[in-house]
Amino acid sequence: MIVASLRWRTVSDACLFCSIVAGDLPASVVAGDDAAIAFLDINPLTTGHTLVVPRRHVTDLLDADGAVAEVSPLLESTGRLLVDRLGADGINVFQASRAPAGQTVFHLHFHLLPRWSGDGMLNVHSIRTQVREDRDTTFARLTG
């Protein structure tokens, strides 16, 4: 993988989102600033499903090196744009880091999913999975 610096951003020639940031691939860009761009997902889960990505190549949240703070203003303003312009009642923000969590494009990105009352989509809090250990054990591992 070749990584090149283009002005204020670093792009990887092997990364789909870097190609979109560089303008080499088409995208329906709805917003952008010096640090990030927001574009409509090509396989939307809801009307207005938008991705917010840093302009520089960052693999994931665990390798972000400050990128989350950099994209935060655009993440916030794009969320407001989606709610205001589409009349959504709320919004979900989803981010997956690394393959076991469901990440398929290895460039940090946040999904903004506009939601409407009664839209029938699952609420993440209604999904239950097997918990591997009790809360006290987990707390001890994290703080001990």
N, C-alpha and C. Protein backbone atom coordinates (compact mmCIF):
# COMPACT_ATOMS: atom_id res chain seq x y z
N MET A 1 0.84 -1.18 0.00
CA MET A 1 0.00 0.00 0.00
C MET A 1 0.89 1.24 0.00
N ILE A 2 0.65 2.13 -0.91
CA ILE A 2 1.39 3.39 -0.99
C ILE A 2 0.56 4.47 -0.31
N VAL A 3 1.20 5.23 0.56
CA VAL A 3 0.53 6.33 1.23
C VAL A 3 1.19 7.61 0.75
N ALA A 4 0.38 8.54 0.32
CA ALA A 4 0.90 9.81 -0.19
C ALA A 4 0.27 10.97 0.56
N SER A 5 1.01 12.04 0.68
CA SER A 5 0.48 13.24 1.32
C SER A 5 0.00 14.21 0.25
N LEU A 6 -1.25 14.59 0.32
CA LEU A 6 -1.83 15.56 -0.61
C LEU A 6 -2.28 16.77 0.18
N ARG A 7 -1.54 17.84 0.08
CA ARG A 7 -1.83 19.05 0.86
C ARG A 7 -2.01 18.72 2.33
N TRP A 8 -3.23 18.84 2.86
CA TRP A 8 -3.48 18.65 4.28
C TRP A 8 -4.02 17.28 4.59
N ARG A 9 -4.01 16.37 3.64
CA ARG A 9 -4.57 15.05 3.91
C ARG A 9 -3.59 13.97 3.48
N THR A 10 -3.69 12.84 4.11
CA THR A 10 -2.91 11.68 3.73
C THR A 10 -3.87 10.66 3.17
N VAL A 11 -3.56 10.13 1.99
CA VAL A 11 -4.44 9.16 1.36
C VAL A 11 -3.68 7.88 1.07
N SER A 12 -4.40 6.79 1.03
CA SER A 12 -3.84 5.50 0.70
C SER A 12 -4.41 5.09 -0.65
N ASP A 13 -3.55 4.63 -1.54
CA ASP A 13 -4.02 4.26 -2.88
C ASP A 13 -4.88 3.01 -2.87
N ALA A 14 -4.87 2.26 -1.78
CA ALA A 14 -5.65 1.03 -1.70
C ALA A 14 -6.97 1.21 -0.96
N CYS A 15 -7.32 2.43 -0.62
CA CYS A 15 -8.49 2.68 0.23
C CYS A 15 -9.62 3.34 -0.57
N LEU A 16 -10.79 2.70 -0.54
CA LEU A 16 -11.97 3.21 -1.22
C LEU A 16 -12.31 4.63 -0.79
N PHE A 17 -12.32 4.88 0.52
CA PHE A 17 -12.70 6.21 1.01
C PHE A 17 -11.63 7.25 0.70
N CYS A 18 -10.36 6.87 0.69
CA CYS A 18 -9.31 7.81 0.27
C CYS A 18 -9.52 8.21 -1.19
N SER A 19 -9.95 7.26 -2.01
CA SER A 19 -10.22 7.56 -3.42
C SER A 19 -11.39 8.53 -3.56
N ILE A 20 -12.39 8.39 -2.71
CA ILE A 20 -13.51 9.33 -2.71
C ILE A 20 -13.04 10.71 -2.26
N VAL A 21 -12.27 10.75 -1.17
CA VAL A 21 -11.74 12.02 -0.66
C VAL A 21 -10.91 12.73 -1.73
N ALA A 22 -10.10 11.98 -2.46
CA ALA A 22 -9.23 12.56 -3.49
C ALA A 22 -9.99 12.97 -4.75
N GLY A 23 -11.27 12.57 -4.84
CA GLY A 23 -12.07 12.90 -6.02
C GLY A 23 -11.88 11.92 -7.16
N ASP A 24 -11.22 10.80 -6.90
CA ASP A 24 -10.99 9.80 -7.93
C ASP A 24 -12.18 8.88 -8.15
N LEU A 25 -13.07 8.81 -7.18
CA LEU A 25 -14.30 8.03 -7.28
C LEU A 25 -15.48 8.96 -7.00
N PRO A 26 -16.59 8.75 -7.68
CA PRO A 26 -17.75 9.63 -7.46
C PRO A 26 -18.41 9.34 -6.11
N ALA A 27 -19.00 10.36 -5.55
CA ALA A 27 -19.76 10.23 -4.30
C ALA A 27 -20.75 11.38 -4.24
N SER A 28 -21.85 11.15 -3.55
CA SER A 28 -22.85 12.19 -3.32
C SER A 28 -22.48 12.92 -2.03
N VAL A 29 -21.56 13.86 -2.15
CA VAL A 29 -21.04 14.60 -0.99
C VAL A 29 -22.08 15.64 -0.57
N VAL A 30 -22.50 15.58 0.69
CA VAL A 30 -23.51 16.51 1.19
C VAL A 30 -22.91 17.62 2.06
N ALA A 31 -21.68 17.41 2.54
CA ALA A 31 -21.04 18.42 3.38
C ALA A 31 -19.55 18.11 3.47
N GLY A 32 -18.79 19.11 3.86
CA GLY A 32 -17.36 18.91 4.02
C GLY A 32 -16.71 20.10 4.68
N ASP A 33 -15.55 19.86 5.26
CA ASP A 33 -14.72 20.93 5.79
C ASP A 33 -13.27 20.52 5.57
N ASP A 34 -12.33 21.24 6.16
CA ASP A 34 -10.92 20.93 5.94
C ASP A 34 -10.51 19.56 6.46
N ALA A 35 -11.22 19.02 7.44
CA ALA A 35 -10.81 17.78 8.08
C ALA A 35 -11.58 16.55 7.62
N ALA A 36 -12.80 16.73 7.08
CA ALA A 36 -13.65 15.57 6.81
C ALA A 36 -14.63 15.86 5.69
N ILE A 37 -15.22 14.78 5.16
CA ILE A 37 -16.33 14.93 4.22
C ILE A 37 -17.46 14.01 4.65
N ALA A 38 -18.67 14.36 4.21
CA ALA A 38 -19.86 13.56 4.48
C ALA A 38 -20.53 13.26 3.15
N PHE A 39 -20.82 11.97 2.93
CA PHE A 39 -21.44 11.58 1.67
C PHE A 39 -22.46 10.47 1.91
N LEU A 40 -23.44 10.39 1.01
CA LEU A 40 -24.49 9.39 1.15
C LEU A 40 -23.94 7.99 0.94
N ASP A 41 -24.37 7.06 1.78
CA ASP A 41 -23.97 5.65 1.67
C ASP A 41 -24.59 5.05 0.41
N ILE A 42 -23.83 4.22 -0.31
CA ILE A 42 -24.38 3.63 -1.55
C ILE A 42 -25.34 2.47 -1.26
N ASN A 43 -25.33 1.96 -0.05
CA ASN A 43 -26.27 0.91 0.38
C ASN A 43 -26.99 1.38 1.64
N PRO A 44 -27.87 2.38 1.52
CA PRO A 44 -28.45 3.00 2.72
C PRO A 44 -29.38 2.08 3.51
N LEU A 45 -29.30 2.21 4.82
CA LEU A 45 -30.22 1.51 5.72
C LEU A 45 -31.47 2.34 5.96
N THR A 46 -31.34 3.66 5.85
CA THR A 46 -32.48 4.57 5.96
C THR A 46 -32.29 5.67 4.91
N THR A 47 -33.36 6.41 4.63
CA THR A 47 -33.25 7.57 3.75
C THR A 47 -32.27 8.55 4.39
N GLY A 48 -31.28 8.96 3.63
CA GLY A 48 -30.31 9.93 4.15
C GLY A 48 -29.12 9.32 4.87
N HIS A 49 -29.01 7.99 4.91
CA HIS A 49 -27.87 7.31 5.55
C HIS A 49 -26.59 7.91 4.98
N THR A 50 -25.82 8.54 5.85
CA THR A 50 -24.64 9.30 5.45
C THR A 50 -23.40 8.81 6.18
N LEU A 51 -22.27 8.83 5.50
CA LEU A 51 -20.98 8.49 6.10
C LEU A 51 -20.18 9.76 6.29
N VAL A 52 -19.55 9.89 7.45
CA VAL A 52 -18.63 11.00 7.71
C VAL A 52 -17.25 10.38 7.89
N VAL A 53 -16.29 10.83 7.07
CA VAL A 53 -14.95 10.24 7.09
C VAL A 53 -13.90 11.35 7.18
N PRO A 54 -12.80 11.08 7.90
CA PRO A 54 -11.72 12.06 7.88
C PRO A 54 -11.07 12.09 6.51
N ARG A 55 -10.58 13.26 6.12
CA ARG A 55 -9.90 13.37 4.83
C ARG A 55 -8.56 12.62 4.84
N ARG A 56 -7.92 12.55 5.99
CA ARG A 56 -6.66 11.80 6.06
C ARG A 56 -6.96 10.34 6.35
N HIS A 57 -6.10 9.46 5.88
CA HIS A 57 -6.32 8.03 6.08
C HIS A 57 -6.01 7.65 7.53
N VAL A 58 -7.03 7.16 8.19
CA VAL A 58 -6.94 6.62 9.54
C VAL A 58 -7.71 5.31 9.48
N THR A 59 -7.11 4.24 9.95
CA THR A 59 -7.72 2.92 9.79
C THR A 59 -9.01 2.76 10.57
N ASP A 60 -8.98 3.10 11.86
CA ASP A 60 -10.17 2.89 12.69
C ASP A 60 -10.08 3.72 13.96
N LEU A 61 -11.08 3.62 14.80
CA LEU A 61 -11.15 4.37 16.04
C LEU A 61 -9.97 4.07 16.95
N LEU A 62 -9.45 2.84 16.90
CA LEU A 62 -8.37 2.43 17.78
C LEU A 62 -7.01 2.90 17.28
N ASP A 63 -6.99 3.50 16.10
CA ASP A 63 -5.77 4.04 15.49
C ASP A 63 -6.02 5.48 15.04
N ALA A 64 -6.92 6.17 15.73
CA ALA A 64 -7.45 7.45 15.24
C ALA A 64 -6.48 8.62 15.34
N ASP A 65 -5.60 8.64 16.32
CA ASP A 65 -4.61 9.70 16.44
C ASP A 65 -5.23 11.10 16.30
N GLY A 66 -6.31 11.34 17.03
CA GLY A 66 -6.95 12.66 17.03
C GLY A 66 -8.00 12.88 15.96
N ALA A 67 -8.21 11.90 15.08
CA ALA A 67 -9.14 12.08 13.97
C ALA A 67 -10.59 12.24 14.43
N VAL A 68 -10.94 11.63 15.55
CA VAL A 68 -12.32 11.75 16.03
C VAL A 68 -12.63 13.21 16.37
N ALA A 69 -11.72 13.86 17.03
CA ALA A 69 -11.91 15.29 17.35
C ALA A 69 -11.97 16.12 16.08
N GLU A 70 -11.18 15.75 15.09
CA GLU A 70 -11.15 16.50 13.83
C GLU A 70 -12.47 16.39 13.07
N VAL A 71 -13.10 15.22 13.08
CA VAL A 71 -14.35 15.04 12.32
C VAL A 71 -15.58 15.44 13.12
N SER A 72 -15.43 15.63 14.41
CA SER A 72 -16.57 15.91 15.28
C SER A 72 -17.43 17.10 14.82
N PRO A 73 -16.85 18.24 14.44
CA PRO A 73 -17.71 19.34 13.99
C PRO A 73 -18.57 18.97 12.78
N LEU A 74 -18.01 18.25 11.82
CA LEU A 74 -18.79 17.87 10.63
C LEU A 74 -19.81 16.80 10.99
N LEU A 75 -19.46 15.91 11.87
CA LEU A 75 -20.39 14.87 12.33
C LEU A 75 -21.63 15.54 12.93
N GLU A 76 -21.40 16.53 13.77
CA GLU A 76 -22.48 17.25 14.43
C GLU A 76 -23.32 18.06 13.44
N SER A 77 -22.67 18.82 12.57
CA SER A 77 -23.42 19.66 11.64
C SER A 77 -24.16 18.81 10.59
N THR A 78 -23.59 17.69 10.19
CA THR A 78 -24.26 16.81 9.23
C THR A 78 -25.47 16.15 9.87
N GLY A 79 -25.36 15.77 11.14
CA GLY A 79 -26.51 15.23 11.85
C GLY A 79 -27.66 16.22 11.88
N ARG A 80 -27.35 17.48 12.16
CA ARG A 80 -28.38 18.52 12.17
C ARG A 80 -28.97 18.72 10.77
N LEU A 81 -28.12 18.69 9.74
CA LEU A 81 -28.57 18.83 8.36
C LEU A 81 -29.57 17.73 8.00
N LEU A 82 -29.25 16.50 8.36
CA LEU A 82 -30.12 15.36 8.04
C LEU A 82 -31.47 15.48 8.74
N VAL A 83 -31.46 15.86 10.01
CA VAL A 83 -32.71 16.01 10.75
C VAL A 83 -33.52 17.18 10.21
N ASP A 84 -32.87 18.32 9.99
CA ASP A 84 -33.57 19.51 9.51
C ASP A 84 -34.13 19.34 8.11
N ARG A 85 -33.33 18.86 7.18
CA ARG A 85 -33.74 18.80 5.77
C ARG A 85 -34.63 17.61 5.45
N LEU A 86 -34.46 16.50 6.19
CA LEU A 86 -35.25 15.31 5.89
C LEU A 86 -36.44 15.14 6.83
N GLY A 87 -36.53 15.98 7.86
CA GLY A 87 -37.63 15.90 8.80
C GLY A 87 -37.56 14.68 9.70
N ALA A 88 -36.35 14.17 9.92
CA ALA A 88 -36.20 13.00 10.80
C ALA A 88 -36.50 13.38 12.23
N ASP A 89 -36.94 12.39 13.00
CA ASP A 89 -37.26 12.60 14.41
C ASP A 89 -36.05 12.38 15.32
N GLY A 90 -35.02 11.76 14.79
CA GLY A 90 -33.82 11.47 15.56
C GLY A 90 -32.74 10.92 14.64
N ILE A 91 -31.64 10.53 15.24
CA ILE A 91 -30.53 10.03 14.44
C ILE A 91 -29.72 9.03 15.26
N ASN A 92 -29.27 7.98 14.60
CA ASN A 92 -28.31 7.04 15.20
C ASN A 92 -26.94 7.33 14.61
N VAL A 93 -25.91 7.22 15.45
CA VAL A 93 -24.53 7.29 14.99
C VAL A 93 -23.93 5.93 15.26
N PHE A 94 -23.36 5.33 14.22
CA PHE A 94 -22.79 3.99 14.34
C PHE A 94 -21.36 4.02 13.81
N GLN A 95 -20.47 3.34 14.52
CA GLN A 95 -19.08 3.24 14.09
C GLN A 95 -18.58 1.84 14.45
N ALA A 96 -17.96 1.17 13.51
CA ALA A 96 -17.40 -0.17 13.75
C ALA A 96 -15.89 -0.11 13.52
N SER A 97 -15.13 -0.63 14.46
CA SER A 97 -13.68 -0.66 14.33
C SER A 97 -13.20 -2.11 14.32
N ARG A 98 -12.56 -2.46 13.24
CA ARG A 98 -11.95 -3.77 12.98
C ARG A 98 -13.00 -4.79 12.54
N ALA A 99 -12.52 -5.77 11.82
CA ALA A 99 -13.39 -6.77 11.19
C ALA A 99 -14.34 -7.48 12.15
N PRO A 100 -13.90 -7.90 13.35
CA PRO A 100 -14.84 -8.59 14.25
C PRO A 100 -16.03 -7.73 14.66
N ALA A 101 -15.89 -6.41 14.57
CA ALA A 101 -16.98 -5.49 14.92
C ALA A 101 -17.84 -5.16 13.70
N GLY A 102 -17.44 -5.66 12.52
CA GLY A 102 -18.22 -5.41 11.32
C GLY A 102 -17.63 -4.40 10.36
N GLN A 103 -16.44 -3.88 10.64
CA GLN A 103 -15.83 -2.91 9.73
C GLN A 103 -15.44 -3.62 8.43
N THR A 104 -15.85 -3.04 7.30
CA THR A 104 -15.52 -3.63 5.99
C THR A 104 -14.67 -2.70 5.13
N VAL A 105 -14.72 -1.40 5.38
CA VAL A 105 -13.82 -0.45 4.72
C VAL A 105 -12.92 0.07 5.83
N PHE A 106 -11.62 -0.16 5.68
CA PHE A 106 -10.70 0.12 6.76
C PHE A 106 -10.12 1.53 6.68
N HIS A 107 -11.07 2.46 6.76
CA HIS A 107 -10.83 3.90 6.86
C HIS A 107 -11.88 4.36 7.86
N LEU A 108 -11.47 5.00 8.93
CA LEU A 108 -12.41 5.43 9.97
C LEU A 108 -13.62 6.12 9.33
N HIS A 109 -14.80 5.69 9.73
CA HIS A 109 -16.02 6.35 9.25
C HIS A 109 -17.15 6.16 10.25
N PHE A 110 -18.03 7.13 10.24
CA PHE A 110 -19.20 7.14 11.11
C PHE A 110 -20.44 7.11 10.23
N HIS A 111 -21.37 6.22 10.58
CA HIS A 111 -22.66 6.15 9.89
C HIS A 111 -23.64 7.04 10.63
N LEU A 112 -24.30 7.93 9.92
CA LEU A 112 -25.39 8.71 10.47
C LEU A 112 -26.68 8.17 9.86
N LEU A 113 -27.56 7.67 10.71
CA LEU A 113 -28.81 7.06 10.25
C LEU A 113 -30.00 7.88 10.73
N PRO A 114 -30.60 8.67 9.84
CA PRO A 114 -31.81 9.39 10.23
C PRO A 114 -32.89 8.39 10.62
N ARG A 115 -33.66 8.74 11.66
CA ARG A 115 -34.71 7.84 12.16
C ARG A 115 -36.01 8.61 12.30
N TRP A 116 -37.11 7.89 12.11
CA TRP A 116 -38.44 8.45 12.24
C TRP A 116 -39.22 7.62 13.23
N SER A 117 -40.07 8.26 14.00
CA SER A 117 -40.92 7.56 14.96
C SER A 117 -41.69 6.47 14.24
N GLY A 118 -41.66 5.27 14.79
CA GLY A 118 -42.39 4.15 14.22
C GLY A 118 -41.79 3.58 12.95
N ASP A 119 -40.50 3.85 12.68
CA ASP A 119 -39.91 3.36 11.43
C ASP A 119 -39.65 1.85 11.43
N GLY A 120 -39.83 1.20 12.56
CA GLY A 120 -39.72 -0.25 12.61
C GLY A 120 -38.31 -0.78 12.71
N MET A 121 -37.32 0.09 12.69
CA MET A 121 -35.94 -0.38 12.82
C MET A 121 -35.65 -0.75 14.27
N LEU A 122 -34.80 -1.72 14.44
CA LEU A 122 -34.41 -2.12 15.78
C LEU A 122 -33.66 -1.01 16.49
N ASN A 123 -33.86 -0.94 17.77
CA ASN A 123 -33.09 -0.05 18.62
C ASN A 123 -31.94 -0.88 19.17
N VAL A 124 -30.73 -0.37 19.10
CA VAL A 124 -29.56 -1.13 19.55
C VAL A 124 -29.72 -1.62 20.99
N HIS A 125 -30.47 -0.90 21.80
CA HIS A 125 -30.67 -1.30 23.19
C HIS A 125 -31.65 -2.46 23.32
N SER A 126 -32.35 -2.79 22.25
CA SER A 126 -33.27 -3.92 22.31
C SER A 126 -32.61 -5.23 21.87
N ILE A 127 -31.38 -5.14 21.39
CA ILE A 127 -30.65 -6.33 20.95
C ILE A 127 -29.87 -6.89 22.14
N ARG A 128 -30.03 -8.15 22.40
CA ARG A 128 -29.32 -8.79 23.51
C ARG A 128 -28.40 -9.87 22.97
N THR A 129 -27.17 -9.84 23.44
CA THR A 129 -26.21 -10.88 23.09
C THR A 129 -25.69 -11.50 24.37
N GLN A 130 -25.00 -12.58 24.22
CA GLN A 130 -24.45 -13.25 25.39
C GLN A 130 -23.31 -12.42 25.96
N VAL A 131 -23.40 -12.11 27.25
CA VAL A 131 -22.36 -11.37 27.95
C VAL A 131 -21.39 -12.40 28.52
N ARG A 132 -20.12 -12.20 28.29
CA ARG A 132 -19.11 -13.21 28.67
C ARG A 132 -18.77 -13.23 30.15
N GLU A 133 -18.97 -12.12 30.84
CA GLU A 133 -18.65 -12.09 32.27
C GLU A 133 -19.55 -11.07 32.96
N ASP A 134 -19.63 -11.15 34.28
CA ASP A 134 -20.50 -10.22 35.00
C ASP A 134 -19.87 -8.83 35.04
N ARG A 135 -20.68 -7.84 35.31
CA ARG A 135 -20.27 -6.45 35.28
C ARG A 135 -19.15 -6.15 36.27
N ASP A 136 -19.21 -6.72 37.48
CA ASP A 136 -18.17 -6.46 38.48
C ASP A 136 -16.81 -6.96 38.02
N THR A 137 -16.78 -8.12 37.40
CA THR A 137 -15.52 -8.66 36.88
C THR A 137 -14.96 -7.76 35.78
N THR A 138 -15.83 -7.33 34.90
CA THR A 138 -15.41 -6.44 33.82
C THR A 138 -14.88 -5.13 34.39
N PHE A 139 -15.59 -4.57 35.36
CA PHE A 139 -15.16 -3.32 35.99
C PHE A 139 -13.77 -3.49 36.60
N ALA A 140 -13.55 -4.57 37.30
CA ALA A 140 -12.24 -4.83 37.93
C ALA A 140 -11.13 -4.93 36.88
N ARG A 141 -11.42 -5.57 35.77
CA ARG A 141 -10.42 -5.69 34.70
C ARG A 141 -10.07 -4.34 34.10
N LEU A 142 -11.07 -3.45 34.00
CA LEU A 142 -10.85 -2.15 33.39
C LEU A 142 -10.18 -1.15 34.32
N THR A 143 -10.37 -1.31 35.60
CA THR A 143 -9.87 -0.31 36.55
C THR A 143 -8.74 -0.82 37.42
N GLY A 144 -8.46 -2.12 37.38
CA GLY A 144 -7.45 -2.71 38.28
C GLY A 144 -6.07 -2.73 37.80
